[in-house]
């Protein structure tokens, strides 16, 4: 017996995916003529610049433990793994990590928590689809191991 009805397959999502792939091919990629390794860093709607980002890990006294430099178009959560592995390898006694909300993703939380460490991040507003159900309208049913929409 299923508690969650199986979702009907609709072709509209397939059409949307096909359109997105077609639009992705049309994208223009900005590349620097003087430094092709840098990436286009976008902050807000109007601020765009070719840049690098330095992701640093510090201890409680502000001493830098590790640095990861990436092009400006690489998201913070992508650069996390190399830096995290380096810090944990060099300093195995580290118990807690404090990071901004860009690092608050399910895969990063799972990685840190599975290593028996604590991740402290800023509050991040729930990112539900526009016009979709609010996150608080869902309840997890342990008995049937499924999620129920109220």
N, C-alpha and C. Protein backbone atom coordinates (compact mmCIF):
# COMPACT_ATOMS: atom_id res chain seq x y z
N UNK A 1 0.84 -1.18 0.00
CA UNK A 1 0.00 0.00 0.00
C UNK A 1 0.88 1.24 0.00
N UNK A 2 0.65 2.15 -0.92
CA UNK A 2 1.43 3.39 -1.01
C UNK A 2 0.64 4.52 -0.38
N UNK A 3 1.34 5.33 0.36
CA UNK A 3 0.66 6.49 0.96
C UNK A 3 0.76 7.70 0.04
N UNK A 4 1.72 7.69 -0.86
CA UNK A 4 1.92 8.81 -1.77
C UNK A 4 1.58 8.36 -3.18
N UNK A 5 0.60 8.96 -3.81
CA UNK A 5 0.24 8.53 -5.16
C UNK A 5 1.36 8.81 -6.14
N UNK A 6 1.51 7.93 -7.10
CA UNK A 6 2.55 8.08 -8.10
C UNK A 6 2.19 9.24 -9.03
N UNK A 7 3.18 10.10 -9.27
CA UNK A 7 2.95 11.28 -10.09
C UNK A 7 2.82 10.87 -11.55
N UNK A 8 1.83 11.46 -12.23
CA UNK A 8 1.65 11.18 -13.64
C UNK A 8 2.78 11.83 -14.43
N UNK A 9 3.22 11.16 -15.47
CA UNK A 9 4.29 11.68 -16.32
C UNK A 9 3.70 12.65 -17.32
N UNK A 10 4.25 13.85 -17.33
CA UNK A 10 3.77 14.81 -18.32
C UNK A 10 4.90 15.19 -19.27
N UNK A 11 4.54 15.48 -20.49
CA UNK A 11 5.53 15.80 -21.50
C UNK A 11 5.97 17.25 -21.46
N UNK A 12 5.29 18.07 -20.67
CA UNK A 12 5.66 19.48 -20.64
C UNK A 12 7.06 19.67 -20.06
N UNK A 13 7.42 18.87 -19.04
CA UNK A 13 8.75 19.01 -18.47
C UNK A 13 9.81 18.60 -19.48
N UNK A 14 9.51 17.61 -20.30
CA UNK A 14 10.45 17.18 -21.33
C UNK A 14 10.64 18.30 -22.35
N UNK A 15 9.54 18.98 -22.69
CA UNK A 15 9.62 20.09 -23.64
C UNK A 15 10.42 21.25 -23.04
N UNK A 16 10.19 21.53 -21.75
CA UNK A 16 10.92 22.61 -21.09
C UNK A 16 12.41 22.31 -21.04
N UNK A 17 12.76 21.06 -20.76
CA UNK A 17 14.16 20.66 -20.70
C UNK A 17 14.82 20.82 -22.07
N UNK A 18 14.11 20.43 -23.11
CA UNK A 18 14.64 20.56 -24.47
C UNK A 18 14.87 22.03 -24.81
N UNK A 19 13.94 22.90 -24.39
CA UNK A 19 14.07 24.33 -24.64
C UNK A 19 15.25 24.91 -23.86
N UNK A 20 15.42 24.47 -22.61
CA UNK A 20 16.54 24.95 -21.80
C UNK A 20 17.88 24.56 -22.42
N UNK A 21 17.96 23.33 -22.94
CA UNK A 21 19.20 22.87 -23.58
C UNK A 21 19.49 23.70 -24.82
N UNK A 22 18.45 24.01 -25.56
CA UNK A 22 18.61 24.82 -26.77
C UNK A 22 19.07 26.22 -26.40
N UNK A 23 18.48 26.80 -25.35
CA UNK A 23 18.87 28.14 -24.90
C UNK A 23 20.29 28.15 -24.35
N UNK A 24 20.71 27.04 -23.72
CA UNK A 24 22.06 26.97 -23.17
C UNK A 24 23.10 27.01 -24.28
N UNK A 25 22.78 26.46 -25.42
CA UNK A 25 23.71 26.48 -26.55
C UNK A 25 23.89 27.90 -27.09
N UNK A 26 22.87 28.74 -26.91
CA UNK A 26 22.92 30.11 -27.42
C UNK A 26 23.67 31.06 -26.49
N UNK A 27 24.01 30.64 -25.28
CA UNK A 27 24.64 31.52 -24.31
C UNK A 27 26.00 32.00 -24.82
N UNK A 28 26.29 33.25 -24.56
CA UNK A 28 27.60 33.77 -24.87
C UNK A 28 28.45 33.72 -23.60
N UNK A 29 29.64 33.24 -23.74
CA UNK A 29 30.53 33.09 -22.60
C UNK A 29 31.58 34.19 -22.67
N UNK A 30 31.70 34.96 -21.61
CA UNK A 30 32.67 36.04 -21.55
C UNK A 30 34.01 35.49 -21.11
N UNK A 31 35.04 35.69 -21.93
CA UNK A 31 36.38 35.22 -21.62
C UNK A 31 37.34 36.41 -21.71
N UNK A 32 38.20 36.52 -20.73
CA UNK A 32 39.18 37.60 -20.72
C UNK A 32 40.26 37.34 -21.76
N UNK A 33 40.66 38.37 -22.48
CA UNK A 33 41.73 38.21 -23.47
C UNK A 33 43.10 38.23 -22.80
N UNK A 34 43.22 38.88 -21.64
CA UNK A 34 44.50 38.94 -20.95
C UNK A 34 44.71 37.80 -19.96
N UNK A 35 43.62 37.30 -19.35
CA UNK A 35 43.71 36.21 -18.38
C UNK A 35 42.54 35.25 -18.56
N UNK A 36 42.67 34.26 -19.45
CA UNK A 36 41.53 33.37 -19.73
C UNK A 36 41.16 32.44 -18.58
N UNK A 37 41.99 32.35 -17.54
CA UNK A 37 41.67 31.47 -16.40
C UNK A 37 40.67 32.08 -15.43
N UNK A 38 40.52 33.39 -15.43
CA UNK A 38 39.58 34.02 -14.50
C UNK A 38 38.14 33.79 -14.98
N UNK A 39 37.19 34.03 -14.11
CA UNK A 39 35.78 33.81 -14.44
C UNK A 39 34.96 35.06 -14.20
N UNK A 40 33.79 35.10 -14.81
CA UNK A 40 32.90 36.25 -14.68
C UNK A 40 32.16 36.16 -13.35
N UNK A 41 32.48 37.07 -12.44
CA UNK A 41 31.85 37.13 -11.12
C UNK A 41 30.65 38.05 -11.21
N UNK A 42 29.47 37.54 -10.84
CA UNK A 42 28.24 38.32 -10.93
C UNK A 42 27.70 38.53 -9.52
N UNK A 43 27.52 39.80 -9.16
CA UNK A 43 26.95 40.13 -7.86
C UNK A 43 25.78 41.07 -8.11
N UNK A 44 24.60 40.58 -7.93
CA UNK A 44 23.41 41.38 -8.20
C UNK A 44 23.12 41.43 -9.70
N UNK A 45 22.23 42.32 -10.08
CA UNK A 45 21.82 42.40 -11.48
C UNK A 45 22.80 43.18 -12.33
N UNK A 46 23.49 44.15 -11.75
CA UNK A 46 24.28 45.07 -12.55
C UNK A 46 25.79 44.93 -12.39
N UNK A 47 26.24 44.33 -11.30
CA UNK A 47 27.68 44.28 -11.05
C UNK A 47 28.26 42.98 -11.61
N UNK A 48 29.06 43.09 -12.65
CA UNK A 48 29.73 41.95 -13.27
C UNK A 48 31.18 42.32 -13.50
N UNK A 49 32.08 41.38 -13.17
CA UNK A 49 33.49 41.64 -13.41
C UNK A 49 34.25 40.33 -13.53
N UNK A 50 35.33 40.34 -14.28
CA UNK A 50 36.21 39.18 -14.39
C UNK A 50 37.09 39.16 -13.15
N UNK A 51 37.08 38.04 -12.42
CA UNK A 51 37.77 38.01 -11.13
C UNK A 51 38.12 36.59 -10.71
N UNK A 52 38.82 36.51 -9.59
CA UNK A 52 39.10 35.27 -8.88
C UNK A 52 38.47 35.40 -7.49
N UNK A 53 38.25 34.25 -6.84
CA UNK A 53 37.78 34.25 -5.46
C UNK A 53 38.76 33.46 -4.62
N UNK A 54 39.06 33.95 -3.43
CA UNK A 54 39.92 33.25 -2.49
C UNK A 54 39.04 32.73 -1.35
N UNK A 55 38.95 31.44 -1.20
CA UNK A 55 38.18 30.80 -0.14
C UNK A 55 39.18 30.44 0.96
N UNK A 56 39.02 31.02 2.13
CA UNK A 56 39.97 30.80 3.21
C UNK A 56 39.33 30.09 4.38
N UNK A 57 40.14 29.28 5.05
CA UNK A 57 39.73 28.62 6.29
C UNK A 57 40.65 29.14 7.38
N UNK A 58 40.05 29.64 8.47
CA UNK A 58 40.81 30.24 9.57
C UNK A 58 40.46 29.56 10.88
N UNK A 59 41.36 29.67 11.85
CA UNK A 59 41.04 29.17 13.18
C UNK A 59 40.40 30.29 14.00
N UNK A 60 40.18 30.05 15.30
CA UNK A 60 39.47 31.02 16.14
C UNK A 60 40.25 32.32 16.34
N UNK A 61 41.56 32.28 16.11
CA UNK A 61 42.40 33.46 16.27
C UNK A 61 42.61 34.22 14.96
N UNK A 62 42.01 33.74 13.88
CA UNK A 62 42.13 34.40 12.59
C UNK A 62 43.34 33.96 11.78
N UNK A 63 44.05 32.93 12.23
CA UNK A 63 45.20 32.42 11.49
C UNK A 63 44.68 31.58 10.32
N UNK A 64 45.18 31.85 9.12
CA UNK A 64 44.73 31.15 7.92
C UNK A 64 45.28 29.73 7.92
N UNK A 65 44.38 28.76 7.79
CA UNK A 65 44.77 27.35 7.76
C UNK A 65 44.87 26.81 6.34
N UNK A 66 44.00 27.30 5.45
CA UNK A 66 43.99 26.84 4.06
C UNK A 66 43.39 27.91 3.16
N UNK A 67 43.84 27.92 1.91
CA UNK A 67 43.31 28.86 0.92
C UNK A 67 43.06 28.10 -0.37
N UNK A 68 41.91 28.34 -0.97
CA UNK A 68 41.55 27.76 -2.27
C UNK A 68 41.17 28.92 -3.18
N UNK A 69 41.92 29.10 -4.27
CA UNK A 69 41.64 30.18 -5.21
C UNK A 69 40.95 29.59 -6.43
N UNK A 70 39.79 30.18 -6.78
CA UNK A 70 39.01 29.68 -7.91
C UNK A 70 38.63 30.86 -8.82
N UNK A 71 38.26 30.57 -10.08
CA UNK A 71 37.73 31.64 -10.93
C UNK A 71 36.45 32.21 -10.33
N UNK A 72 36.09 33.42 -10.70
CA UNK A 72 34.94 34.10 -10.12
C UNK A 72 33.61 33.46 -10.41
N UNK A 73 33.54 32.61 -11.44
CA UNK A 73 32.26 31.99 -11.78
C UNK A 73 32.06 30.63 -11.11
N UNK A 74 32.95 30.23 -10.22
CA UNK A 74 32.81 28.96 -9.49
C UNK A 74 32.10 29.25 -8.17
N UNK A 75 31.01 28.52 -7.90
CA UNK A 75 30.24 28.73 -6.68
C UNK A 75 31.04 28.29 -5.46
N UNK A 76 30.77 28.94 -4.33
CA UNK A 76 31.48 28.64 -3.08
C UNK A 76 31.37 27.16 -2.70
N UNK A 77 30.20 26.58 -2.88
CA UNK A 77 29.99 25.20 -2.46
C UNK A 77 30.83 24.21 -3.27
N UNK A 78 31.24 24.58 -4.48
CA UNK A 78 32.08 23.71 -5.30
C UNK A 78 33.51 23.71 -4.77
N UNK A 79 33.98 24.85 -4.31
CA UNK A 79 35.34 24.98 -3.80
C UNK A 79 35.49 24.39 -2.39
N UNK A 80 34.40 24.06 -1.75
CA UNK A 80 34.41 23.61 -0.35
C UNK A 80 35.21 22.32 -0.14
N UNK A 81 35.01 21.34 -0.99
CA UNK A 81 35.53 19.99 -0.73
C UNK A 81 37.05 19.94 -0.64
N UNK A 82 37.76 20.57 -1.56
CA UNK A 82 39.23 20.54 -1.51
C UNK A 82 39.75 21.20 -0.25
N UNK A 83 39.16 22.32 0.10
CA UNK A 83 39.61 23.05 1.28
C UNK A 83 39.26 22.28 2.56
N UNK A 84 38.07 21.73 2.62
CA UNK A 84 37.64 20.95 3.78
C UNK A 84 38.56 19.75 3.99
N UNK A 85 38.82 19.00 2.92
CA UNK A 85 39.70 17.82 3.02
C UNK A 85 41.09 18.21 3.48
N UNK A 86 41.59 19.34 2.98
CA UNK A 86 42.92 19.79 3.38
C UNK A 86 42.96 20.15 4.87
N UNK A 87 41.97 20.88 5.35
CA UNK A 87 41.92 21.27 6.76
C UNK A 87 41.78 20.05 7.66
N UNK A 88 40.92 19.13 7.30
CA UNK A 88 40.70 17.94 8.13
C UNK A 88 41.95 17.06 8.15
N UNK A 89 42.64 16.99 7.01
CA UNK A 89 43.87 16.18 6.94
C UNK A 89 44.99 16.80 7.79
N UNK A 90 45.15 18.12 7.71
CA UNK A 90 46.22 18.80 8.44
C UNK A 90 45.89 18.99 9.93
N UNK A 91 44.61 19.17 10.24
CA UNK A 91 44.18 19.44 11.62
C UNK A 91 43.02 18.52 11.97
N UNK A 92 43.30 17.25 12.28
CA UNK A 92 42.21 16.28 12.54
C UNK A 92 41.38 16.57 13.80
N UNK A 93 41.88 17.44 14.69
CA UNK A 93 41.14 17.74 15.91
C UNK A 93 40.06 18.80 15.71
N UNK A 94 39.93 19.34 14.52
CA UNK A 94 38.92 20.37 14.26
C UNK A 94 37.54 19.75 14.48
N UNK A 95 36.73 20.44 15.28
CA UNK A 95 35.40 19.90 15.61
C UNK A 95 34.27 20.67 14.95
N UNK A 96 34.45 21.99 14.74
CA UNK A 96 33.36 22.81 14.22
C UNK A 96 33.83 23.67 13.06
N UNK A 97 32.92 23.90 12.12
CA UNK A 97 33.16 24.77 10.98
C UNK A 97 32.08 25.84 10.98
N UNK A 98 32.48 27.08 10.75
CA UNK A 98 31.54 28.19 10.63
C UNK A 98 31.67 28.72 9.21
N UNK A 99 30.54 28.87 8.53
CA UNK A 99 30.58 29.30 7.12
C UNK A 99 29.37 30.17 6.81
N UNK A 100 29.44 30.89 5.69
CA UNK A 100 28.28 31.69 5.29
C UNK A 100 27.23 30.79 4.65
N UNK A 101 26.10 31.36 4.29
CA UNK A 101 24.97 30.57 3.83
C UNK A 101 25.19 29.90 2.47
N UNK A 102 26.21 30.31 1.72
CA UNK A 102 26.49 29.67 0.43
C UNK A 102 26.91 28.21 0.62
N UNK A 103 27.45 27.90 1.79
CA UNK A 103 27.90 26.54 2.07
C UNK A 103 26.81 25.67 2.69
N UNK A 104 25.62 26.22 2.85
CA UNK A 104 24.52 25.47 3.46
C UNK A 104 23.76 24.72 2.37
N UNK A 105 24.35 23.63 1.94
CA UNK A 105 23.73 22.77 0.93
C UNK A 105 23.62 21.36 1.52
N UNK A 106 22.69 20.55 1.03
CA UNK A 106 22.52 19.21 1.60
C UNK A 106 23.78 18.35 1.54
N UNK A 107 24.51 18.40 0.42
CA UNK A 107 25.68 17.53 0.30
C UNK A 107 26.81 17.98 1.22
N UNK A 108 26.97 19.28 1.45
CA UNK A 108 28.01 19.75 2.37
C UNK A 108 27.63 19.41 3.81
N UNK A 109 26.37 19.62 4.18
CA UNK A 109 25.91 19.27 5.53
C UNK A 109 26.11 17.78 5.80
N UNK A 110 25.75 16.95 4.83
CA UNK A 110 25.91 15.51 4.99
C UNK A 110 27.37 15.13 5.19
N UNK A 111 28.25 15.73 4.41
CA UNK A 111 29.69 15.44 4.49
C UNK A 111 30.23 15.81 5.87
N UNK A 112 29.93 17.00 6.35
CA UNK A 112 30.45 17.47 7.64
C UNK A 112 29.85 16.65 8.79
N UNK A 113 28.53 16.43 8.77
CA UNK A 113 27.88 15.69 9.86
C UNK A 113 28.31 14.23 9.88
N UNK A 114 28.53 13.63 8.72
CA UNK A 114 28.96 12.22 8.69
C UNK A 114 30.38 12.06 9.23
N UNK A 115 31.16 13.14 9.23
CA UNK A 115 32.51 13.11 9.81
C UNK A 115 32.49 13.46 11.30
N UNK A 116 31.30 13.48 11.90
CA UNK A 116 31.11 13.81 13.32
C UNK A 116 31.66 15.19 13.68
N UNK A 117 31.38 16.15 12.79
CA UNK A 117 31.76 17.53 13.03
C UNK A 117 30.50 18.39 12.98
N UNK A 118 30.63 19.64 13.39
CA UNK A 118 29.49 20.56 13.45
C UNK A 118 29.68 21.63 12.39
N UNK A 119 28.60 21.95 11.67
CA UNK A 119 28.62 23.03 10.69
C UNK A 119 27.65 24.11 11.16
N UNK A 120 28.15 25.31 11.33
CA UNK A 120 27.33 26.43 11.76
C UNK A 120 27.27 27.44 10.63
N UNK A 121 26.07 27.68 10.11
CA UNK A 121 25.90 28.63 9.00
C UNK A 121 24.79 29.61 9.32
N UNK A 122 24.71 30.64 8.52
CA UNK A 122 23.67 31.65 8.69
C UNK A 122 22.33 31.08 8.25
N UNK A 123 21.25 31.73 8.68
CA UNK A 123 19.91 31.33 8.26
C UNK A 123 19.76 31.55 6.76
N UNK A 124 19.16 30.58 6.11
CA UNK A 124 18.92 30.70 4.68
C UNK A 124 17.43 30.53 4.44
N UNK A 125 16.83 31.50 3.78
CA UNK A 125 15.40 31.46 3.49
C UNK A 125 15.09 30.24 2.63
N UNK A 126 13.99 29.51 2.90
CA UNK A 126 13.63 28.35 2.08
C UNK A 126 13.46 28.75 0.61
N UNK A 127 14.01 27.94 -0.28
CA UNK A 127 13.98 28.25 -1.71
C UNK A 127 12.94 27.38 -2.41
N UNK A 128 11.67 27.69 -2.19
CA UNK A 128 10.61 26.94 -2.83
C UNK A 128 10.26 27.59 -4.17
N UNK A 129 9.69 26.79 -5.06
CA UNK A 129 9.31 27.32 -6.37
C UNK A 129 8.24 28.38 -6.22
N UNK A 130 8.26 29.36 -7.10
CA UNK A 130 7.25 30.40 -7.09
C UNK A 130 5.90 29.76 -7.45
N UNK A 131 4.91 29.97 -6.62
CA UNK A 131 3.60 29.39 -6.87
C UNK A 131 3.49 27.94 -6.40
N UNK A 132 4.59 27.36 -5.89
CA UNK A 132 4.57 25.97 -5.42
C UNK A 132 4.11 25.89 -3.98
N UNK A 133 4.16 24.69 -3.43
CA UNK A 133 3.76 24.50 -2.04
C UNK A 133 4.84 25.01 -1.12
N UNK A 134 4.45 25.57 0.00
CA UNK A 134 5.41 26.04 1.00
C UNK A 134 6.03 24.83 1.71
N UNK A 135 7.26 24.95 2.16
CA UNK A 135 7.97 23.82 2.76
C UNK A 135 7.28 23.32 4.03
N UNK A 136 6.56 24.20 4.74
CA UNK A 136 5.92 23.77 5.98
C UNK A 136 4.64 22.98 5.74
N UNK A 137 4.22 22.84 4.49
CA UNK A 137 3.04 22.03 4.17
C UNK A 137 3.38 20.56 3.96
N UNK A 138 4.63 20.19 4.16
CA UNK A 138 5.05 18.80 3.99
C UNK A 138 5.36 18.18 5.34
N UNK A 139 5.00 16.89 5.49
CA UNK A 139 5.27 16.16 6.72
C UNK A 139 5.87 14.80 6.33
N UNK A 140 6.92 14.41 7.05
CA UNK A 140 7.54 13.11 6.81
C UNK A 140 6.82 12.03 7.61
N UNK A 141 6.42 10.96 6.93
CA UNK A 141 5.76 9.83 7.58
C UNK A 141 6.79 8.71 7.72
N UNK A 142 7.24 8.47 8.97
CA UNK A 142 8.28 7.46 9.22
C UNK A 142 7.80 6.05 8.91
N UNK A 143 6.54 5.76 9.22
CA UNK A 143 6.01 4.41 9.03
C UNK A 143 6.07 3.99 7.57
N UNK A 144 5.62 4.84 6.67
CA UNK A 144 5.60 4.53 5.25
C UNK A 144 6.84 5.06 4.50
N UNK A 145 7.73 5.77 5.21
CA UNK A 145 8.94 6.33 4.64
C UNK A 145 8.64 7.16 3.40
N UNK A 146 7.76 8.15 3.57
CA UNK A 146 7.42 9.04 2.46
C UNK A 146 7.04 10.41 3.00
N UNK A 147 6.93 11.34 2.11
CA UNK A 147 6.58 12.71 2.48
C UNK A 147 5.14 12.99 2.04
N UNK A 148 4.35 13.57 2.94
CA UNK A 148 2.93 13.83 2.67
C UNK A 148 2.73 15.34 2.59
N UNK A 149 2.03 15.76 1.57
CA UNK A 149 1.70 17.18 1.42
C UNK A 149 0.37 17.43 2.11
N UNK A 150 0.33 18.40 3.00
CA UNK A 150 -0.91 18.68 3.75
C UNK A 150 -1.87 19.54 2.95
